[in-house]
């Protein structure tokens, strides 16, 4: 029996560079959104100025929108790979991860927009 090499394309398939790049960018942006959310919460207890709080919320909103838009191509690629590849469970987990990232970003955008709307008055 011969040993399988990593260069054998039938047995070893690497993820494309764009997929890895998008995944890392999305992870970094989700961490950034989480830090902004934590900064806003800490700012409420440490009595940040209203203008600073509004800037934090606007940056959180824009970052959430950007992250959700970047997650859509990653979701589409995972769905295509789920249909075409044999390893189904790996792509199901990746699809769930991307869906959770999109939901988190939508919640961040919604939360920050509601707070901005309420802080400006009716």
N, C-alpha and C. Protein backbone atom coordinates (compact mmCIF):
# COMPACT_ATOMS: atom_id res chain seq x y z
N UNK A 1 0.83 -1.17 0.00
CA UNK A 1 0.00 0.00 0.00
C UNK A 1 0.88 1.24 0.00
N UNK A 2 0.45 2.20 -0.71
CA UNK A 2 1.21 3.45 -0.77
C UNK A 2 0.64 4.46 0.22
N UNK A 3 1.52 5.30 0.67
CA UNK A 3 1.08 6.35 1.59
C UNK A 3 0.45 7.49 0.82
N UNK A 4 -0.52 8.13 1.46
CA UNK A 4 -1.18 9.27 0.83
C UNK A 4 -0.39 10.53 1.13
N UNK A 5 -0.13 11.30 0.11
CA UNK A 5 0.57 12.57 0.29
C UNK A 5 -0.43 13.70 0.44
N UNK A 6 0.02 14.77 1.07
CA UNK A 6 -0.84 15.93 1.20
C UNK A 6 -1.07 16.61 -0.15
N UNK A 7 -0.19 16.34 -1.08
CA UNK A 7 -0.34 16.96 -2.40
C UNK A 7 -1.39 16.25 -3.25
N UNK A 8 -1.85 15.08 -2.82
CA UNK A 8 -2.88 14.37 -3.56
C UNK A 8 -4.20 15.12 -3.41
N UNK A 9 -4.69 15.68 -4.50
CA UNK A 9 -5.86 16.56 -4.42
C UNK A 9 -7.14 15.81 -4.11
N UNK A 10 -7.16 14.51 -4.34
CA UNK A 10 -8.38 13.75 -4.07
C UNK A 10 -8.58 13.49 -2.58
N UNK A 11 -7.49 13.46 -1.82
CA UNK A 11 -7.62 13.13 -0.40
C UNK A 11 -7.43 14.33 0.51
N UNK A 12 -6.74 15.34 0.05
CA UNK A 12 -6.44 16.48 0.90
C UNK A 12 -6.82 17.74 0.16
N UNK A 13 -7.76 18.48 0.71
CA UNK A 13 -8.23 19.68 0.06
C UNK A 13 -8.13 20.85 1.03
N UNK A 14 -7.36 21.85 0.65
CA UNK A 14 -7.20 23.03 1.49
C UNK A 14 -8.32 24.02 1.21
N UNK A 15 -8.63 24.82 2.21
CA UNK A 15 -9.60 25.88 2.02
C UNK A 15 -8.98 26.98 1.17
N UNK A 16 -9.77 27.61 0.32
CA UNK A 16 -9.22 28.70 -0.50
C UNK A 16 -8.76 29.87 0.37
N UNK A 17 -7.81 30.64 -0.17
CA UNK A 17 -7.26 31.77 0.55
C UNK A 17 -8.33 32.80 0.87
N UNK A 18 -9.22 33.06 -0.08
CA UNK A 18 -10.28 34.06 0.14
C UNK A 18 -11.19 33.62 1.29
N UNK A 19 -11.48 32.33 1.37
CA UNK A 19 -12.33 31.82 2.45
C UNK A 19 -11.67 32.06 3.81
N UNK A 20 -10.38 31.74 3.89
CA UNK A 20 -9.67 31.95 5.15
C UNK A 20 -9.58 33.43 5.50
N UNK A 21 -9.34 34.25 4.49
CA UNK A 21 -9.24 35.69 4.72
C UNK A 21 -10.56 36.26 5.22
N UNK A 22 -11.67 35.89 4.57
CA UNK A 22 -12.98 36.36 5.01
C UNK A 22 -13.31 35.87 6.41
N UNK A 23 -12.96 34.63 6.70
CA UNK A 23 -13.23 34.09 8.04
C UNK A 23 -12.48 34.86 9.11
N UNK A 24 -11.22 35.15 8.86
CA UNK A 24 -10.43 35.89 9.84
C UNK A 24 -10.92 37.33 10.00
N UNK A 25 -11.30 37.95 8.90
CA UNK A 25 -11.83 39.32 8.97
C UNK A 25 -13.13 39.34 9.77
N UNK A 26 -13.99 38.37 9.53
CA UNK A 26 -15.27 38.32 10.25
C UNK A 26 -15.04 38.08 11.74
N UNK A 27 -14.11 37.21 12.08
CA UNK A 27 -13.80 36.97 13.49
C UNK A 27 -13.29 38.25 14.15
N UNK A 28 -12.39 38.94 13.47
CA UNK A 28 -11.86 40.20 14.03
C UNK A 28 -12.96 41.25 14.19
N UNK A 29 -13.85 41.34 13.22
CA UNK A 29 -14.93 42.33 13.31
C UNK A 29 -15.94 41.98 14.40
N UNK A 30 -16.18 40.69 14.61
CA UNK A 30 -17.08 40.29 15.69
C UNK A 30 -16.46 40.62 17.05
N UNK A 31 -15.17 40.39 17.18
CA UNK A 31 -14.48 40.76 18.42
C UNK A 31 -14.54 42.27 18.62
N UNK A 32 -14.34 43.03 17.52
CA UNK A 32 -14.41 44.48 17.60
C UNK A 32 -15.80 44.95 18.01
N UNK A 33 -16.85 44.32 17.45
CA UNK A 33 -18.23 44.66 17.85
C UNK A 33 -18.45 44.36 19.32
N UNK A 34 -17.94 43.23 19.78
CA UNK A 34 -18.09 42.87 21.19
C UNK A 34 -17.38 43.87 22.09
N UNK A 35 -16.18 44.29 21.68
CA UNK A 35 -15.45 45.29 22.47
C UNK A 35 -16.18 46.63 22.48
N UNK A 36 -16.74 47.03 21.35
CA UNK A 36 -17.50 48.28 21.31
C UNK A 36 -18.74 48.21 22.20
N UNK A 37 -19.40 47.06 22.18
CA UNK A 37 -20.57 46.88 23.03
C UNK A 37 -20.17 46.95 24.51
N UNK A 38 -19.06 46.30 24.85
CA UNK A 38 -18.56 46.37 26.22
C UNK A 38 -18.14 47.78 26.61
N UNK A 39 -17.52 48.50 25.67
CA UNK A 39 -17.12 49.88 25.93
C UNK A 39 -18.33 50.77 26.16
N UNK A 40 -19.39 50.56 25.40
CA UNK A 40 -20.61 51.34 25.60
C UNK A 40 -21.21 51.07 26.98
N UNK A 41 -21.25 49.79 27.36
CA UNK A 41 -21.81 49.44 28.67
C UNK A 41 -20.96 50.02 29.80
N UNK A 42 -19.64 49.91 29.67
CA UNK A 42 -18.76 50.50 30.69
C UNK A 42 -18.89 52.01 30.71
N UNK A 43 -19.10 52.61 29.55
CA UNK A 43 -19.26 54.06 29.47
C UNK A 43 -20.50 54.55 30.19
N UNK A 44 -21.53 53.72 30.24
CA UNK A 44 -22.73 54.10 31.00
C UNK A 44 -22.44 54.17 32.49
N UNK A 45 -21.63 53.25 32.99
CA UNK A 45 -21.31 53.24 34.41
C UNK A 45 -20.26 54.29 34.77
N UNK A 46 -19.39 54.63 33.83
CA UNK A 46 -18.34 55.60 34.10
C UNK A 46 -18.70 57.00 33.62
N UNK A 47 -19.93 57.18 33.22
CA UNK A 47 -20.49 58.46 32.82
C UNK A 47 -19.66 59.13 31.71
N UNK A 48 -19.59 58.42 30.55
CA UNK A 48 -18.99 59.04 29.37
C UNK A 48 -19.89 60.17 28.91
N UNK A 49 -19.35 61.07 28.13
CA UNK A 49 -20.18 62.13 27.57
C UNK A 49 -21.14 61.54 26.54
N UNK A 50 -22.27 62.23 26.35
CA UNK A 50 -23.28 61.75 25.43
C UNK A 50 -22.74 61.63 24.00
N UNK A 51 -21.93 62.57 23.61
CA UNK A 51 -21.38 62.56 22.26
C UNK A 51 -20.47 61.34 22.05
N UNK A 52 -19.69 61.00 23.06
CA UNK A 52 -18.81 59.83 22.97
C UNK A 52 -19.63 58.54 22.87
N UNK A 53 -20.69 58.46 23.64
CA UNK A 53 -21.57 57.30 23.58
C UNK A 53 -22.21 57.16 22.20
N UNK A 54 -22.61 58.28 21.62
CA UNK A 54 -23.24 58.25 20.29
C UNK A 54 -22.24 57.81 19.23
N UNK A 55 -21.01 58.27 19.34
CA UNK A 55 -19.98 57.86 18.38
C UNK A 55 -19.71 56.36 18.50
N UNK A 56 -19.64 55.85 19.72
CA UNK A 56 -19.43 54.41 19.93
C UNK A 56 -20.57 53.61 19.30
N UNK A 57 -21.81 54.08 19.49
CA UNK A 57 -22.95 53.37 18.93
C UNK A 57 -22.97 53.43 17.41
N UNK A 58 -22.59 54.56 16.83
CA UNK A 58 -22.57 54.66 15.37
C UNK A 58 -21.49 53.76 14.77
N UNK A 59 -20.32 53.72 15.40
CA UNK A 59 -19.25 52.83 14.93
C UNK A 59 -19.69 51.37 15.07
N UNK A 60 -20.38 51.04 16.15
CA UNK A 60 -20.91 49.69 16.34
C UNK A 60 -21.91 49.34 15.25
N UNK A 61 -22.76 50.28 14.90
CA UNK A 61 -23.75 50.04 13.87
C UNK A 61 -23.09 49.81 12.51
N UNK A 62 -22.15 50.67 12.15
CA UNK A 62 -21.47 50.52 10.86
C UNK A 62 -20.64 49.24 10.79
N UNK A 63 -19.99 48.90 11.87
CA UNK A 63 -19.20 47.68 11.91
C UNK A 63 -20.10 46.45 11.79
N UNK A 64 -21.25 46.48 12.45
CA UNK A 64 -22.19 45.36 12.35
C UNK A 64 -22.72 45.19 10.94
N UNK A 65 -23.03 46.29 10.28
CA UNK A 65 -23.51 46.21 8.89
C UNK A 65 -22.41 45.65 8.00
N UNK A 66 -21.20 46.14 8.16
CA UNK A 66 -20.08 45.68 7.34
C UNK A 66 -19.81 44.19 7.56
N UNK A 67 -19.88 43.75 8.81
CA UNK A 67 -19.64 42.34 9.12
C UNK A 67 -20.74 41.46 8.53
N UNK A 68 -21.98 41.90 8.63
CA UNK A 68 -23.08 41.11 8.06
C UNK A 68 -22.95 41.02 6.54
N UNK A 69 -22.55 42.11 5.91
CA UNK A 69 -22.38 42.07 4.45
C UNK A 69 -21.22 41.18 4.04
N UNK A 70 -20.16 41.15 4.82
CA UNK A 70 -19.04 40.25 4.52
C UNK A 70 -19.39 38.79 4.80
N UNK A 71 -20.33 38.55 5.68
CA UNK A 71 -20.69 37.18 6.03
C UNK A 71 -21.54 36.51 4.96
N UNK A 72 -22.23 37.30 4.16
CA UNK A 72 -23.12 36.73 3.15
C UNK A 72 -22.36 35.91 2.10
N UNK A 73 -21.25 36.42 1.51
CA UNK A 73 -20.52 35.56 0.56
C UNK A 73 -19.96 34.30 1.20
N UNK A 74 -19.56 34.40 2.46
CA UNK A 74 -19.05 33.23 3.18
C UNK A 74 -20.16 32.20 3.38
N UNK A 75 -21.35 32.67 3.68
CA UNK A 75 -22.50 31.77 3.84
C UNK A 75 -22.84 31.09 2.52
N UNK A 76 -22.82 31.84 1.43
CA UNK A 76 -23.12 31.26 0.11
C UNK A 76 -22.08 30.22 -0.26
N UNK A 77 -20.81 30.51 0.00
CA UNK A 77 -19.76 29.54 -0.31
C UNK A 77 -19.92 28.27 0.51
N UNK A 78 -20.28 28.41 1.78
CA UNK A 78 -20.47 27.22 2.62
C UNK A 78 -21.66 26.39 2.15
N UNK A 79 -22.72 27.03 1.70
CA UNK A 79 -23.88 26.29 1.20
C UNK A 79 -23.51 25.53 -0.07
N UNK A 80 -22.74 26.17 -0.95
CA UNK A 80 -22.30 25.49 -2.17
C UNK A 80 -21.40 24.31 -1.83
N UNK A 81 -20.49 24.49 -0.88
CA UNK A 81 -19.61 23.41 -0.48
C UNK A 81 -20.38 22.28 0.21
N UNK A 82 -21.44 22.62 0.94
CA UNK A 82 -22.27 21.60 1.58
C UNK A 82 -22.93 20.72 0.53
N UNK A 83 -23.36 21.32 -0.56
CA UNK A 83 -24.03 20.57 -1.62
C UNK A 83 -23.04 19.72 -2.41
N UNK A 84 -21.85 20.25 -2.67
CA UNK A 84 -20.92 19.57 -3.58
C UNK A 84 -19.93 18.65 -2.89
N UNK A 85 -19.60 18.86 -1.65
CA UNK A 85 -18.55 18.08 -0.98
C UNK A 85 -19.16 16.92 -0.19
N UNK A 86 -18.28 16.00 0.20
CA UNK A 86 -18.70 14.82 0.95
C UNK A 86 -18.79 15.07 2.45
N UNK A 87 -17.93 15.91 2.98
CA UNK A 87 -17.89 16.16 4.43
C UNK A 87 -18.99 17.13 4.81
N UNK A 88 -20.16 16.62 5.05
CA UNK A 88 -21.34 17.47 5.30
C UNK A 88 -21.30 18.15 6.66
N UNK A 89 -20.88 17.43 7.70
CA UNK A 89 -20.96 17.98 9.05
C UNK A 89 -20.05 19.20 9.22
N UNK A 90 -18.90 19.19 8.56
CA UNK A 90 -17.97 20.32 8.66
C UNK A 90 -18.62 21.59 8.11
N UNK A 91 -19.31 21.46 7.00
CA UNK A 91 -19.93 22.64 6.39
C UNK A 91 -21.21 23.05 7.10
N UNK A 92 -21.91 22.12 7.73
CA UNK A 92 -23.07 22.47 8.53
C UNK A 92 -22.64 23.30 9.73
N UNK A 93 -21.53 22.92 10.36
CA UNK A 93 -21.02 23.69 11.50
C UNK A 93 -20.58 25.08 11.06
N UNK A 94 -19.93 25.15 9.90
CA UNK A 94 -19.51 26.46 9.38
C UNK A 94 -20.71 27.34 9.04
N UNK A 95 -21.75 26.75 8.48
CA UNK A 95 -22.97 27.51 8.16
C UNK A 95 -23.61 28.04 9.44
N UNK A 96 -23.67 27.20 10.48
CA UNK A 96 -24.23 27.66 11.76
C UNK A 96 -23.40 28.79 12.35
N UNK A 97 -22.07 28.68 12.25
CA UNK A 97 -21.19 29.73 12.76
C UNK A 97 -21.43 31.04 12.04
N UNK A 98 -21.54 31.00 10.72
CA UNK A 98 -21.77 32.22 9.95
C UNK A 98 -23.16 32.79 10.25
N UNK A 99 -24.15 31.93 10.40
CA UNK A 99 -25.50 32.41 10.74
C UNK A 99 -25.52 33.08 12.11
N UNK A 100 -24.81 32.51 13.07
CA UNK A 100 -24.72 33.14 14.39
C UNK A 100 -24.00 34.48 14.31
N UNK A 101 -22.99 34.58 13.47
CA UNK A 101 -22.29 35.86 13.29
C UNK A 101 -23.22 36.90 12.70
N UNK A 102 -24.02 36.50 11.72
CA UNK A 102 -24.97 37.43 11.09
C UNK A 102 -26.02 37.87 12.10
N UNK A 103 -26.54 36.94 12.89
CA UNK A 103 -27.56 37.28 13.89
C UNK A 103 -26.97 38.22 14.94
N UNK A 104 -25.74 37.96 15.40
CA UNK A 104 -25.10 38.84 16.36
C UNK A 104 -24.94 40.24 15.80
N UNK A 105 -24.53 40.34 14.55
CA UNK A 105 -24.34 41.66 13.93
C UNK A 105 -25.67 42.40 13.76
N UNK A 106 -26.71 41.68 13.38
CA UNK A 106 -28.03 42.31 13.24
C UNK A 106 -28.52 42.81 14.60
N UNK A 107 -28.28 42.02 15.65
CA UNK A 107 -28.67 42.46 16.99
C UNK A 107 -27.88 43.70 17.43
N UNK A 108 -26.59 43.72 17.12
CA UNK A 108 -25.78 44.90 17.46
C UNK A 108 -26.27 46.13 16.72
N UNK A 109 -26.56 45.98 15.44
CA UNK A 109 -27.05 47.12 14.65
C UNK A 109 -28.41 47.58 15.18
N UNK A 110 -29.30 46.65 15.42
CA UNK A 110 -30.62 47.01 15.93
C UNK A 110 -30.55 47.67 17.29
N UNK A 111 -29.75 47.12 18.18
CA UNK A 111 -29.61 47.68 19.51
C UNK A 111 -29.04 49.09 19.46
N UNK A 112 -27.98 49.27 18.68
CA UNK A 112 -27.36 50.60 18.62
C UNK A 112 -28.27 51.62 17.96
N UNK A 113 -29.01 51.22 16.93
CA UNK A 113 -29.93 52.16 16.28
C UNK A 113 -31.08 52.55 17.20
N UNK A 114 -31.60 51.58 17.96
CA UNK A 114 -32.69 51.89 18.90
C UNK A 114 -32.20 52.84 19.98
N UNK A 115 -31.01 52.58 20.51
CA UNK A 115 -30.48 53.45 21.57
C UNK A 115 -30.20 54.85 21.04
N UNK A 116 -29.66 54.95 19.82
CA UNK A 116 -29.42 56.28 19.23
C UNK A 116 -30.74 57.01 19.03
N UNK A 117 -31.76 56.30 18.54
CA UNK A 117 -33.07 56.92 18.32
C UNK A 117 -33.68 57.41 19.63
N UNK A 118 -33.58 56.59 20.68
CA UNK A 118 -34.14 56.99 21.97
C UNK A 118 -33.36 58.12 22.62
N UNK A 119 -32.04 58.15 22.41
CA UNK A 119 -31.25 59.21 23.05
C UNK A 119 -31.43 60.56 22.37
N UNK A 120 -31.81 60.55 21.11
CA UNK A 120 -32.04 61.82 20.40
C UNK A 120 -33.38 62.44 20.75
N UNK A 121 -34.27 61.67 21.29
CA UNK A 121 -35.58 62.18 21.67
C UNK A 121 -36.60 61.92 20.58
N UNK A 122 -37.84 62.16 20.91
CA UNK A 122 -38.92 61.86 19.96
C UNK A 122 -39.19 63.02 19.07
